Amino acid sequence: MEYSAVTIAIILGVFGFAGLIKGVVGLGLPPIVLGLLTAIIGIHPAMALVALPAFITNIVQAVSGAHWKTLWLTQRLFFFFATISIAAGCLLTQFVNQAHMSLLLGVLLMCYGSLGILKFKPHIDVQWRPHAGVVLGMCNGVFTGLTGSSAVPGVFYLQAIGLPKEKLIQAMGILFTCSSLGLSLGLIWQGVLTPSASALSVVALIPATICMYFGAKLRKHISIIMFERIFYGALTLLGLYVIFKNKTLLI
């Protein structure tokens, strides 16, 4: 798909903004990119563009810390099912209207943002975590395959098992890395992730990575609580905007 110079500039700006957010709070690249670009270029092109930047930035996040081995060993079932079930979500896209997929993305963004604003803190007892990891991992994978966003309900699960901040950020990096890899394979299988889309995706990686670096630096100098409020509020507004763009499906 060919884009005008103005559209390309908007795409790169969106990736830079999303990278900055990800650097500060540990997530946000796919939700923000998809939330903003879905209304401009459509959900499938947006999913194709976000695949490589999401994968690379998530690898950096996953290995930036001392906990990845422990997290992988204790949560491997969750990560495994969150990855392989993406295939089911990709398969469902063959039978689901693209507008419905966009609407679903809007609902997920709105719910995730609203629960964050309300400081919803789920808790899962230790004895239920293996079962919850499998079930929620599969749900997360299906939603990832359908919408390209791998935050819901995976991040809620990681919060619910009581991970401290640094472990939570690294665990999100592992989840998003696995999800990005699975989604990329699914998009290649669907013929959505093409060489032309990959080329622009490589270019978009530059502002995303640079801004993610500065976001991580910024995280040390601002209140993370206040910034999370702004972030969750932005996600809620993005979700409402995408829903509004597809409001005819609700009538």
C-alpha atoms as a PDB file:
ATOM      1  CA  MET A   1       0.000   0.000   0.000  1.00  0.00           C
ATOM      2  CA  GLU A   2       1.335   3.432  -1.007  1.00  0.00           C
ATOM      3  CA  TYR A   3       1.061   6.390   1.369  1.00  0.00           C
ATOM      4  CA  SER A   4       1.437  10.120   0.810  1.00  0.00           C
ATOM      5  CA  ALA A   5       4.295  12.031   2.424  1.00  0.00           C
ATOM      6  CA  VAL A   6       1.877  13.562   4.934  1.00  0.00           C
ATOM      7  CA  THR A   7       0.525  10.135   5.918  1.00  0.00           C
ATOM      8  CA  ILE A   8       4.059   8.766   6.339  1.00  0.00           C
ATOM      9  CA  ALA A   9       4.963  11.732   8.541  1.00  0.00           C
ATOM     10  CA  ILE A  10       1.865  11.086  10.679  1.00  0.00           C
ATOM     11  CA  ILE A  11       2.766   7.393  10.938  1.00  0.00           C
ATOM     12  CA  LEU A  12       6.318   8.168  12.096  1.00  0.00           C
ATOM     13  CA  GLY A  13       5.024  10.753  14.568  1.00  0.00           C
ATOM     14  CA  VAL A  14       2.562   8.243  16.025  1.00  0.00           C
ATOM     15  CA  PHE A  15       5.343   5.671  16.451  1.00  0.00           C
ATOM     16  CA  GLY A  16       7.545   8.244  18.153  1.00  0.00           C
ATOM     17  CA  PHE A  17       4.780   9.214  20.572  1.00  0.00           C
ATOM     18  CA  ALA A  18       3.941   5.573  21.294  1.00  0.00           C
ATOM     19  CA  GLY A  19       7.625   4.775  21.873  1.00  0.00           C
ATOM     20  CA  LEU A  20       7.865   7.603  24.393  1.00  0.00           C
ATOM     21  CA  ILE A  21       4.845   6.263  26.298  1.00  0.00           C
ATOM     22  CA  LYS A  22       6.264   2.731  26.252  1.00  0.00           C
ATOM     23  CA  GLY A  23       9.566   3.956  27.624  1.00  0.00           C
ATOM     24  CA  VAL A  24       7.827   5.538  30.603  1.00  0.00           C
ATOM     25  CA  VAL A  25       5.201   2.954  31.578  1.00  0.00           C
ATOM     26  CA  GLY A  26       6.402  -0.273  29.909  1.00  0.00           C
ATOM     27  CA  LEU A  27       3.516  -0.686  27.458  1.00  0.00           C
ATOM     28  CA  GLY A  28       1.487   1.280  24.984  1.00  0.00           C
ATOM     29  CA  LEU A  29       3.161   0.901  21.590  1.00  0.00           C
ATOM     30  CA  PRO A  30       0.571  -1.366  19.873  1.00  0.00           C
ATOM     31  CA  PRO A  31      -2.512   0.090  21.628  1.00  0.00           C
ATOM     32  CA  ILE A  32      -1.579   3.684  20.811  1.00  0.00           C
ATOM     33  CA  VAL A  33      -0.366   2.959  17.272  1.00  0.00           C
ATOM     34  CA  LEU A  34      -3.431   0.858  16.491  1.00  0.00           C
ATOM     35  CA  GLY A  35      -5.794   3.258  18.196  1.00  0.00           C
ATOM     36  CA  LEU A  36      -4.528   6.230  16.195  1.00  0.00           C
ATOM     37  CA  LEU A  37      -3.652   4.630  12.859  1.00  0.00           C
ATOM     38  CA  THR A  38      -6.724   2.372  12.566  1.00  0.00           C
ATOM     39  CA  ALA A  39      -8.835   5.451  11.888  1.00  0.00           C
ATOM     40  CA  ILE A  40      -6.343   6.665   9.251  1.00  0.00           C
ATOM     41  CA  ILE A  41      -5.129   3.608   7.307  1.00  0.00           C
ATOM     42  CA  GLY A  42      -7.295   0.718   8.615  1.00  0.00           C
ATOM     43  CA  ILE A  43      -6.646  -1.980  11.175  1.00  0.00           C
ATOM     44  CA  HIS A  44      -4.856  -4.533   8.949  1.00  0.00           C
ATOM     45  CA  PRO A  45      -2.272  -2.065   7.569  1.00  0.00           C
ATOM     46  CA  ALA A  46      -1.781  -0.696  11.083  1.00  0.00           C
ATOM     47  CA  MET A  47      -1.221  -4.213  12.451  1.00  0.00           C
ATOM     48  CA  ALA A  48       1.354  -4.867   9.720  1.00  0.00           C
ATOM     49  CA  LEU A  49       3.226  -1.643  10.480  1.00  0.00           C
ATOM     50  CA  VAL A  50       3.373  -2.207  14.230  1.00  0.00           C
ATOM     51  CA  ALA A  51       4.662  -5.797  14.049  1.00  0.00           C
ATOM     52  CA  LEU A  52       8.425  -5.186  13.726  1.00  0.00           C
ATOM     53  CA  PRO A  53       8.727  -2.100  15.986  1.00  0.00           C
ATOM     54  CA  ALA A  54       6.694  -3.870  18.654  1.00  0.00           C
ATOM     55  CA  PHE A  55       8.859  -6.996  18.400  1.00  0.00           C
ATOM     56  CA  ILE A  56      12.193  -5.145  18.634  1.00  0.00           C
ATOM     57  CA  THR A  57      11.207  -2.728  21.398  1.00  0.00           C
ATOM     58  CA  ASN A  58       9.698  -5.577  23.400  1.00  0.00           C
ATOM     59  CA  ILE A  59      12.879  -7.647  23.134  1.00  0.00           C
ATOM     60  CA  VAL A  60      14.785  -4.694  24.578  1.00  0.00           C
ATOM     61  CA  GLN A  61      12.249  -4.423  27.405  1.00  0.00           C
ATOM     62  CA  ALA A  62      12.235  -8.183  28.055  1.00  0.00           C
ATOM     63  CA  VAL A  63      16.011  -8.478  28.515  1.00  0.00           C
ATOM     64  CA  SER A  64      16.483  -5.170  30.360  1.00  0.00           C
ATOM     65  CA  GLY A  65      16.533  -6.545  33.878  1.00  0.00           C
ATOM     66  CA  ALA A  66      17.620  -9.476  36.016  1.00  0.00           C
ATOM     67  CA  HIS A  67      14.304 -11.337  36.259  1.00  0.00           C
ATOM     68  CA  TRP A  68      13.597 -12.771  32.799  1.00  0.00           C
ATOM     69  CA  LYS A  69      14.767 -16.332  33.600  1.00  0.00           C
ATOM     70  CA  THR A  70      12.670 -16.495  36.771  1.00  0.00           C
ATOM     71  CA  LEU A  71       9.656 -14.992  35.030  1.00  0.00           C
ATOM     72  CA  TRP A  72       9.928 -17.404  32.109  1.00  0.00           C
ATOM     73  CA  LEU A  73      10.199 -20.445  34.396  1.00  0.00           C
ATOM     74  CA  THR A  74       7.291 -19.446  36.640  1.00  0.00           C
ATOM     75  CA  GLN A  75       4.969 -18.113  33.923  1.00  0.00           C
ATOM     76  CA  ARG A  76       5.938 -20.256  30.920  1.00  0.00           C
ATOM     77  CA  LEU A  77       2.441 -21.757  30.579  1.00  0.00           C
ATOM     78  CA  PHE A  78       0.908 -18.296  30.398  1.00  0.00           C
ATOM     79  CA  PHE A  79       3.438 -17.083  27.828  1.00  0.00           C
ATOM     80  CA  PHE A  80       3.107 -20.303  25.795  1.00  0.00           C
ATOM     81  CA  PHE A  81      -0.686 -20.256  25.511  1.00  0.00           C
ATOM     82  CA  ALA A  82      -0.725 -16.493  24.943  1.00  0.00           C
ATOM     83  CA  THR A  83       1.477 -17.145  21.898  1.00  0.00           C
ATOM     84  CA  ILE A  84       0.015 -20.256  20.261  1.00  0.00           C
ATOM     85  CA  SER A  85      -3.607 -19.085  20.611  1.00  0.00           C
ATOM     86  CA  ILE A  86      -2.824 -16.105  18.368  1.00  0.00           C
ATOM     87  CA  ALA A  87      -3.316 -18.563  15.503  1.00  0.00           C
ATOM     88  CA  ALA A  88      -6.966 -18.949  16.508  1.00  0.00           C
ATOM     89  CA  GLY A  89      -7.431 -15.183  16.507  1.00  0.00           C
ATOM     90  CA  CYS A  90      -5.801 -14.874  13.087  1.00  0.00           C
ATOM     91  CA  LEU A  91      -8.043 -17.643  11.788  1.00  0.00           C
ATOM     92  CA  LEU A  92     -11.130 -15.852  13.100  1.00  0.00           C
ATOM     93  CA  THR A  93     -10.208 -12.761  11.088  1.00  0.00           C
ATOM     94  CA  GLN A  94     -11.183 -14.750   7.976  1.00  0.00           C
ATOM     95  CA  PHE A  95     -14.784 -14.792   9.221  1.00  0.00           C
ATOM     96  CA  VAL A  96     -15.063 -11.471  11.081  1.00  0.00           C
ATOM     97  CA  ASN A  97     -15.750  -8.147   9.366  1.00  0.00           C
ATOM     98  CA  GLN A  98     -12.835  -5.677   9.585  1.00  0.00           C
ATOM     99  CA  ALA A  99     -15.129  -3.009  11.012  1.00  0.00           C
ATOM    100  CA  HIS A 100     -16.124  -5.386  13.807  1.00  0.00           C
ATOM    101  CA  MET A 101     -12.435  -5.961  14.553  1.00  0.00           C
ATOM    102  CA  SER A 102     -11.916  -2.205  14.836  1.00  0.00           C
ATOM    103  CA  LEU A 103     -14.919  -1.962  17.154  1.00  0.00           C
ATOM    104  CA  LEU A 104     -13.538  -4.766  19.320  1.00  0.00           C
ATOM    105  CA  LEU A 105     -10.203  -2.953  19.526  1.00  0.00           C
ATOM    106  CA  GLY A 106     -12.005   0.204  20.660  1.00  0.00           C
ATOM    107  CA  VAL A 107     -13.908  -1.692  23.360  1.00  0.00           C
ATOM    108  CA  LEU A 108     -10.692  -3.338  24.630  1.00  0.00           C
ATOM    109  CA  LEU A 109      -8.856  -0.008  24.750  1.00  0.00           C
ATOM    110  CA  MET A 110     -11.746   1.689  26.550  1.00  0.00           C
ATOM    111  CA  CYS A 111     -12.128  -1.124  29.112  1.00  0.00           C
ATOM    112  CA  TYR A 112      -8.389  -1.295  29.783  1.00  0.00           C
ATOM    113  CA  GLY A 113      -8.086   2.470  30.158  1.00  0.00           C
ATOM    114  CA  SER A 114     -11.190   2.780  32.340  1.00  0.00           C
ATOM    115  CA  LEU A 115     -10.097   0.012  34.702  1.00  0.00           C
ATOM    116  CA  GLY A 116      -6.673   1.639  34.965  1.00  0.00           C
ATOM    117  CA  ILE A 117      -8.245   4.985  35.884  1.00  0.00           C
ATOM    118  CA  LEU A 118     -10.375   3.260  38.532  1.00  0.00           C
ATOM    119  CA  LYS A 119      -7.202   1.633  39.934  1.00  0.00           C
ATOM    120  CA  PHE A 120      -8.687  -1.823  39.470  1.00  0.00           C
ATOM    121  CA  LYS A 121      -6.261  -4.273  41.073  1.00  0.00           C
ATOM    122  CA  PRO A 122      -7.293  -7.897  40.520  1.00  0.00           C
ATOM    123  CA  HIS A 123      -5.769 -10.659  42.663  1.00  0.00           C
ATOM    124  CA  ILE A 124      -5.366 -14.345  41.872  1.00  0.00           C
ATOM    125  CA  ASP A 125      -4.509 -16.780  44.668  1.00  0.00           C
ATOM    126  CA  VAL A 126      -1.392 -18.884  44.225  1.00  0.00           C
ATOM    127  CA  GLN A 127      -3.256 -22.183  43.781  1.00  0.00           C
ATOM    128  CA  TRP A 128      -5.316 -20.782  40.892  1.00  0.00           C
ATOM    129  CA  ARG A 129      -2.492 -19.104  38.995  1.00  0.00           C
ATOM    130  CA  PRO A 130      -1.508 -22.029  36.718  1.00  0.00           C
ATOM    131  CA  HIS A 131      -5.123 -22.500  35.565  1.00  0.00           C
ATOM    132  CA  ALA A 132      -5.731 -18.754  35.276  1.00  0.00           C
ATOM    133  CA  GLY A 133      -2.495 -18.397  33.307  1.00  0.00           C
ATOM    134  CA  VAL A 134      -3.649 -20.947  30.722  1.00  0.00           C
ATOM    135  CA  VAL A 135      -7.179 -19.528  30.366  1.00  0.00           C
ATOM    136  CA  LEU A 136      -6.195 -15.859  30.328  1.00  0.00           C
ATOM    137  CA  GLY A 137      -3.202 -16.600  28.124  1.00  0.00           C
ATOM    138  CA  MET A 138      -5.486 -18.190  25.526  1.00  0.00           C
ATOM    139  CA  CYS A 139      -7.909 -15.251  25.730  1.00  0.00           C
ATOM    140  CA  ASN A 140      -5.020 -12.841  25.320  1.00  0.00           C
ATOM    141  CA  GLY A 141      -3.767 -14.697  22.247  1.00  0.00           C
ATOM    142  CA  VAL A 142      -7.176 -14.728  20.553  1.00  0.00           C
ATOM    143  CA  PHE A 143      -7.607 -10.990  21.151  1.00  0.00           C
ATOM    144  CA  THR A 144      -4.084 -10.393  19.859  1.00  0.00           C
ATOM    145  CA  GLY A 145      -4.810 -12.289  16.651  1.00  0.00           C
ATOM    146  CA  LEU A 146      -8.088 -10.436  16.165  1.00  0.00           C
ATOM    147  CA  THR A 147      -7.014  -6.895  17.014  1.00  0.00           C
ATOM    148  CA  GLY A 148      -3.204  -6.736  17.145  1.00  0.00           C
ATOM    149  CA  SER A 149      -3.294  -5.513  20.756  1.00  0.00           C
ATOM    150  CA  SER A 150      -1.835  -7.927  23.322  1.00  0.00           C
ATOM    151  CA  ALA A 151      -2.477  -5.972  26.534  1.00  0.00           C
ATOM    152  CA  VAL A 152      -5.891  -7.368  27.511  1.00  0.00           C
ATOM    153  CA  PRO A 153      -6.313  -9.494  29.594  1.00  0.00           C
ATOM    154  CA  GLY A 154      -2.618 -10.425  29.802  1.00  0.00           C
ATOM    155  CA  VAL A 155      -1.454  -7.356  31.684  1.00  0.00           C
ATOM    156  CA  PHE A 156      -4.306  -7.758  34.178  1.00  0.00           C
ATOM    157  CA  TYR A 157      -3.128 -11.306  34.853  1.00  0.00           C
ATOM    158  CA  LEU A 158       0.450 -10.157  35.467  1.00  0.00           C
ATOM    159  CA  GLN A 159      -0.833  -7.466  37.823  1.00  0.00           C
ATOM    160  CA  ALA A 160      -3.107  -9.955  39.587  1.00  0.00           C
ATOM    161  CA  ILE A 161      -0.261 -12.300  40.536  1.00  0.00           C
ATOM    162  CA  GLY A 162       1.363  -9.499  42.481  1.00  0.00           C
ATOM    163  CA  LEU A 163       4.499  -8.735  40.475  1.00  0.00           C
ATOM    164  CA  PRO A 164       6.420  -5.671  41.716  1.00  0.00           C
ATOM    165  CA  LYS A 165       6.975  -2.805  39.266  1.00  0.00           C
ATOM    166  CA  GLU A 166      10.301  -3.863  37.733  1.00  0.00           C
ATOM    167  CA  LYS A 167       9.243  -7.506  37.381  1.00  0.00           C
ATOM    168  CA  LEU A 168       5.906  -6.413  35.942  1.00  0.00           C
ATOM    169  CA  ILE A 169       7.579  -4.257  33.292  1.00  0.00           C
ATOM    170  CA  GLN A 170       9.939  -7.083  32.323  1.00  0.00           C
ATOM    171  CA  ALA A 171       7.124  -9.660  32.301  1.00  0.00           C
ATOM    172  CA  MET A 172       5.121  -7.392  29.996  1.00  0.00           C
ATOM    173  CA  GLY A 173       8.158  -7.238  27.735  1.00  0.00           C
ATOM    174  CA  ILE A 174       8.290 -11.051  27.534  1.00  0.00           C
ATOM    175  CA  LEU A 175       4.546 -11.298  26.883  1.00  0.00           C
ATOM    176  CA  PHE A 176       4.640  -8.639  24.178  1.00  0.00           C
ATOM    177  CA  THR A 177       7.730 -10.201  22.552  1.00  0.00           C
ATOM    178  CA  CYS A 178       6.031 -13.585  22.282  1.00  0.00           C
ATOM    179  CA  SER A 179       2.813 -11.969  21.092  1.00  0.00           C
ATOM    180  CA  SER A 180       4.616  -9.851  18.491  1.00  0.00           C
ATOM    181  CA  LEU A 181       6.382 -12.920  17.112  1.00  0.00           C
ATOM    182  CA  GLY A 182       3.162 -14.942  16.939  1.00  0.00           C
ATOM    183  CA  LEU A 183       1.249 -12.053  15.378  1.00  0.00           C
ATOM    184  CA  SER A 184       3.955 -11.463  12.770  1.00  0.00           C
ATOM    185  CA  LEU A 185       3.793 -15.111  11.681  1.00  0.00           C
ATOM    186  CA  GLY A 186      -0.003 -14.890  11.526  1.00  0.00           C
ATOM    187  CA  LEU A 187       0.110 -11.717   9.436  1.00  0.00           C
ATOM    188  CA  ILE A 188       2.608 -13.292   7.024  1.00  0.00           C
ATOM    189  CA  TRP A 189       0.297 -16.307   6.689  1.00  0.00           C
ATOM    190  CA  GLN A 190      -2.623 -13.980   5.954  1.00  0.00           C
ATOM    191  CA  GLY A 191      -0.622 -12.045   3.381  1.00  0.00           C
ATOM    192  CA  VAL A 192      -1.007  -8.817   5.377  1.00  0.00           C
ATOM    193  CA  LEU A 193       2.671  -8.411   6.340  1.00  0.00           C
ATOM    194  CA  THR A 194       4.215  -7.783   2.920  1.00  0.00           C
ATOM    195  CA  PRO A 195       7.721  -6.555   1.922  1.00  0.00           C
ATOM    196  CA  SER A 196       6.404  -3.021   1.303  1.00  0.00           C
ATOM    197  CA  ALA A 197       4.738  -2.896   4.706  1.00  0.00           C
ATOM    198  CA  SER A 198       7.919  -4.288   6.284  1.00  0.00           C
ATOM    199  CA  ALA A 199      10.009  -1.524   4.702  1.00  0.00           C
ATOM    200  CA  LEU A 200       7.927   1.244   6.272  1.00  0.00           C
ATOM    201  CA  SER A 201       7.834  -0.741   9.512  1.00  0.00           C
ATOM    202  CA  VAL A 202      11.661  -0.675   9.609  1.00  0.00           C
ATOM    203  CA  VAL A 203      11.609   3.102   9.176  1.00  0.00           C
ATOM    204  CA  ALA A 204       8.975   3.435  11.920  1.00  0.00           C
ATOM    205  CA  LEU A 205      11.278   1.483  14.232  1.00  0.00           C
ATOM    206  CA  ILE A 206      13.698   4.433  14.318  1.00  0.00           C
ATOM    207  CA  PRO A 207      11.464   7.032  16.044  1.00  0.00           C
ATOM    208  CA  ALA A 208       9.890   4.312  18.217  1.00  0.00           C
ATOM    209  CA  THR A 209      13.273   3.160  19.556  1.00  0.00           C
ATOM    210  CA  ILE A 210      14.739   6.642  20.024  1.00  0.00           C
ATOM    211  CA  CYS A 211      11.661   7.916  21.842  1.00  0.00           C
ATOM    212  CA  MET A 212      11.470   4.758  23.952  1.00  0.00           C
ATOM    213  CA  TYR A 213      15.029   5.482  25.145  1.00  0.00           C
ATOM    214  CA  PHE A 214      14.118   9.037  26.139  1.00  0.00           C
ATOM    215  CA  GLY A 215      10.911   7.791  27.737  1.00  0.00           C
ATOM    216  CA  ALA A 216      12.912   5.435  29.961  1.00  0.00           C
ATOM    217  CA  LYS A 217      15.116   8.372  30.974  1.00  0.00           C
ATOM    218  CA  LEU A 218      12.048  10.503  31.623  1.00  0.00           C
ATOM    219  CA  ARG A 219      10.580   7.790  33.852  1.00  0.00           C
ATOM    220  CA  LYS A 220      13.267   8.521  36.444  1.00  0.00           C
ATOM    221  CA  HIS A 221      12.290  12.177  36.764  1.00  0.00           C
ATOM    222  CA  ILE A 222       8.491  12.224  36.833  1.00  0.00           C
ATOM    223  CA  SER A 223       5.738  10.724  38.931  1.00  0.00           C
ATOM    224  CA  ILE A 224       4.866   7.386  37.347  1.00  0.00           C
ATOM    225  CA  ILE A 225       1.478   7.448  39.106  1.00  0.00           C
ATOM    226  CA  MET A 226       0.513  10.738  37.472  1.00  0.00           C
ATOM    227  CA  PHE A 227       1.782   9.636  34.096  1.00  0.00           C
ATOM    228  CA  GLU A 228      -0.166   6.378  34.316  1.00  0.00           C
ATOM    229  CA  ARG A 229      -3.330   8.376  34.954  1.00  0.00           C
ATOM    230  CA  ILE A 230      -2.676  10.370  31.787  1.00  0.00           C
ATOM    231  CA  PHE A 231      -1.862   7.181  29.893  1.00  0.00           C
ATOM    232  CA  TYR A 232      -4.998   5.321  30.966  1.00  0.00           C
ATOM    233  CA  GLY A 233      -7.082   8.402  30.244  1.00  0.00           C
ATOM    234  CA  ALA A 234      -5.600   8.581  26.744  1.00  0.00           C
ATOM    235  CA  LEU A 235      -6.347   4.899  26.140  1.00  0.00           C
ATOM    236  CA  THR A 236      -9.941   5.413  27.228  1.00  0.00           C
ATOM    237  CA  LEU A 237     -10.352   8.350  24.847  1.00  0.00           C
ATOM    238  CA  LEU A 238      -8.724   6.405  22.021  1.00  0.00           C
ATOM    239  CA  GLY A 239     -11.087   3.515  22.617  1.00  0.00           C
ATOM    240  CA  LEU A 240     -14.090   5.803  22.609  1.00  0.00           C
ATOM    241  CA  TYR A 241     -12.877   7.420  19.386  1.00  0.00           C
ATOM    242  CA  VAL A 242     -12.493   4.088  17.586  1.00  0.00           C
ATOM    243  CA  ILE A 243     -15.933   3.012  18.858  1.00  0.00           C
ATOM    244  CA  PHE A 244     -17.419   6.290  17.624  1.00  0.00           C
ATOM    245  CA  LYS A 245     -15.870   5.729  14.182  1.00  0.00           C
ATOM    246  CA  ASN A 246     -17.703   2.406  14.044  1.00  0.00           C
ATOM    247  CA  LYS A 247     -20.874   3.494  15.841  1.00  0.00           C
ATOM    248  CA  THR A 248     -23.106   2.303  13.015  1.00  0.00           C
ATOM    249  CA  LEU A 249     -22.390  -1.279  14.103  1.00  0.00           C
ATOM    250  CA  LEU A 250     -24.015  -0.524  17.457  1.00  0.00           C
ATOM    251  CA  ILE A 251     -27.274   0.750  15.982  1.00  0.00           C
END
